[in-house]
Amino acid sequence: MLHPELVLGGPVGNGTDSLPFFQELVSRILHLHFRDCKTKVSGDALQLMAEFLKIFVVEAAVRGVQQAQAEDLDTVDVDQLEKVLPQLLLDF
């Protein structure tokens, strides 16, 4: 079984070294979709959304690798991610 640490190239979970950058990125993504430019996101909501997106991306990567392994491929391509995406979205 493939571990998320292998996919991301480092520890997953409590690492806070890249968290401020990632939260800023998530904040910008969220604000792109707000209708009112005055809408604010609390720090807790931003942290929760950042953690959710991190888990989602890791799970997508792991499932993509598992799909590639099932197809006897050495690399993950968009095709493998497209195959696992429907079930991934249903699971989340």
Protein backbone atom coordinates (compact mmCIF):
# COMPACT_ATOMS: atom_id res chain seq x y z
CA MET A 1 0.00 0.00 0.00
CA LEU A 2 1.26 3.46 -0.86
CA HIS A 3 1.59 5.95 1.97
CA PRO A 4 0.77 9.68 1.60
CA GLU A 5 4.28 10.56 2.77
CA LEU A 6 5.66 8.94 -0.39
CA VAL A 7 3.24 10.86 -2.61
CA LEU A 8 3.92 14.26 -1.08
CA GLY A 9 7.59 13.69 -0.36
CA GLY A 10 7.41 14.37 3.36
CA PRO A 11 5.39 13.96 6.52
CA VAL A 12 1.64 14.45 6.30
CA GLY A 13 -0.46 15.72 9.16
CA ASN A 14 1.06 17.97 11.79
CA GLY A 15 3.54 19.75 9.51
CA THR A 16 2.98 23.48 9.94
CA ASP A 17 5.98 24.76 7.99
CA SER A 18 4.06 25.35 4.74
CA LEU A 19 0.69 25.96 6.40
CA PRO A 20 0.67 29.81 6.16
CA PHE A 21 1.38 29.68 2.43
CA PHE A 22 -1.23 26.98 1.90
CA GLN A 23 -3.83 28.90 3.90
CA GLU A 24 -3.14 32.03 1.85
CA LEU A 25 -3.63 30.01 -1.33
CA VAL A 26 -6.91 28.54 -0.03
CA SER A 27 -8.06 32.01 1.00
CA ARG A 28 -7.40 33.35 -2.48
CA ILE A 29 -9.23 30.43 -4.10
CA LEU A 30 -12.24 30.93 -1.83
CA HIS A 31 -12.37 34.66 -2.46
CA LEU A 32 -12.39 34.08 -6.22
CA HIS A 33 -15.80 32.46 -5.82
CA PHE A 34 -17.45 34.87 -3.38
CA ARG A 35 -20.09 37.14 -4.87
CA ASP A 36 -19.50 39.89 -2.33
CA CYS A 37 -15.91 41.13 -2.10
CA LYS A 38 -16.52 42.05 1.56
CA THR A 39 -17.05 38.42 2.56
CA LYS A 40 -14.55 37.31 5.18
CA VAL A 41 -13.38 33.86 6.24
CA SER A 42 -12.49 33.19 9.87
CA GLY A 43 -9.12 31.69 10.70
CA ASP A 44 -10.72 28.47 11.94
CA ALA A 45 -12.77 28.07 8.76
CA LEU A 46 -9.70 28.73 6.64
CA GLN A 47 -7.65 26.19 8.59
CA LEU A 48 -10.45 23.61 8.25
CA MET A 49 -10.77 24.19 4.51
CA ALA A 50 -7.01 23.96 4.04
CA GLU A 51 -6.90 20.65 5.91
CA PHE A 52 -9.85 19.33 3.90
CA LEU A 53 -8.19 20.22 0.59
CA LYS A 54 -4.90 18.67 1.72
CA ILE A 55 -6.65 15.40 2.59
CA PHE A 56 -8.57 15.47 -0.70
CA VAL A 57 -5.40 15.96 -2.77
CA VAL A 58 -3.50 13.23 -0.91
CA GLU A 59 -6.40 10.81 -1.34
CA ALA A 60 -6.62 11.63 -5.07
CA ALA A 61 -2.90 11.01 -5.46
CA VAL A 62 -2.99 7.71 -3.59
CA ARG A 63 -5.98 6.48 -5.57
CA GLY A 64 -4.34 7.56 -8.82
CA VAL A 65 -1.23 5.56 -7.92
CA GLN A 66 -3.32 2.52 -7.03
CA GLN A 67 -5.15 2.78 -10.37
CA ALA A 68 -1.84 3.04 -12.24
CA GLN A 69 -0.52 0.00 -10.39
CA ALA A 70 -3.67 -1.93 -11.27
CA GLU A 71 -3.02 -1.08 -14.93
CA ASP A 72 0.68 -2.09 -14.61
CA LEU A 73 1.89 1.44 -15.32
CA ASP A 74 4.95 3.11 -13.84
CA THR A 75 3.55 6.65 -13.78
CA VAL A 76 0.24 8.28 -12.98
CA ASP A 77 -1.34 10.19 -15.82
CA VAL A 78 -4.50 12.24 -16.10
CA ASP A 79 -6.27 9.11 -17.33
CA GLN A 80 -5.85 7.35 -13.98
CA LEU A 81 -7.06 10.40 -12.07
CA GLU A 82 -10.10 10.65 -14.32
CA LYS A 83 -10.93 7.03 -13.57
CA VAL A 84 -10.81 7.48 -9.78
CA LEU A 85 -12.39 10.93 -9.62
CA PRO A 86 -16.09 9.92 -9.69
CA GLN A 87 -15.76 7.59 -6.68
CA LEU A 88 -13.50 10.07 -4.90
CA LEU A 89 -16.11 12.82 -5.21
CA LEU A 90 -18.81 10.46 -3.95
CA ASP A 91 -16.68 9.52 -0.95
CA PHE A 92 -16.11 13.15 0.00
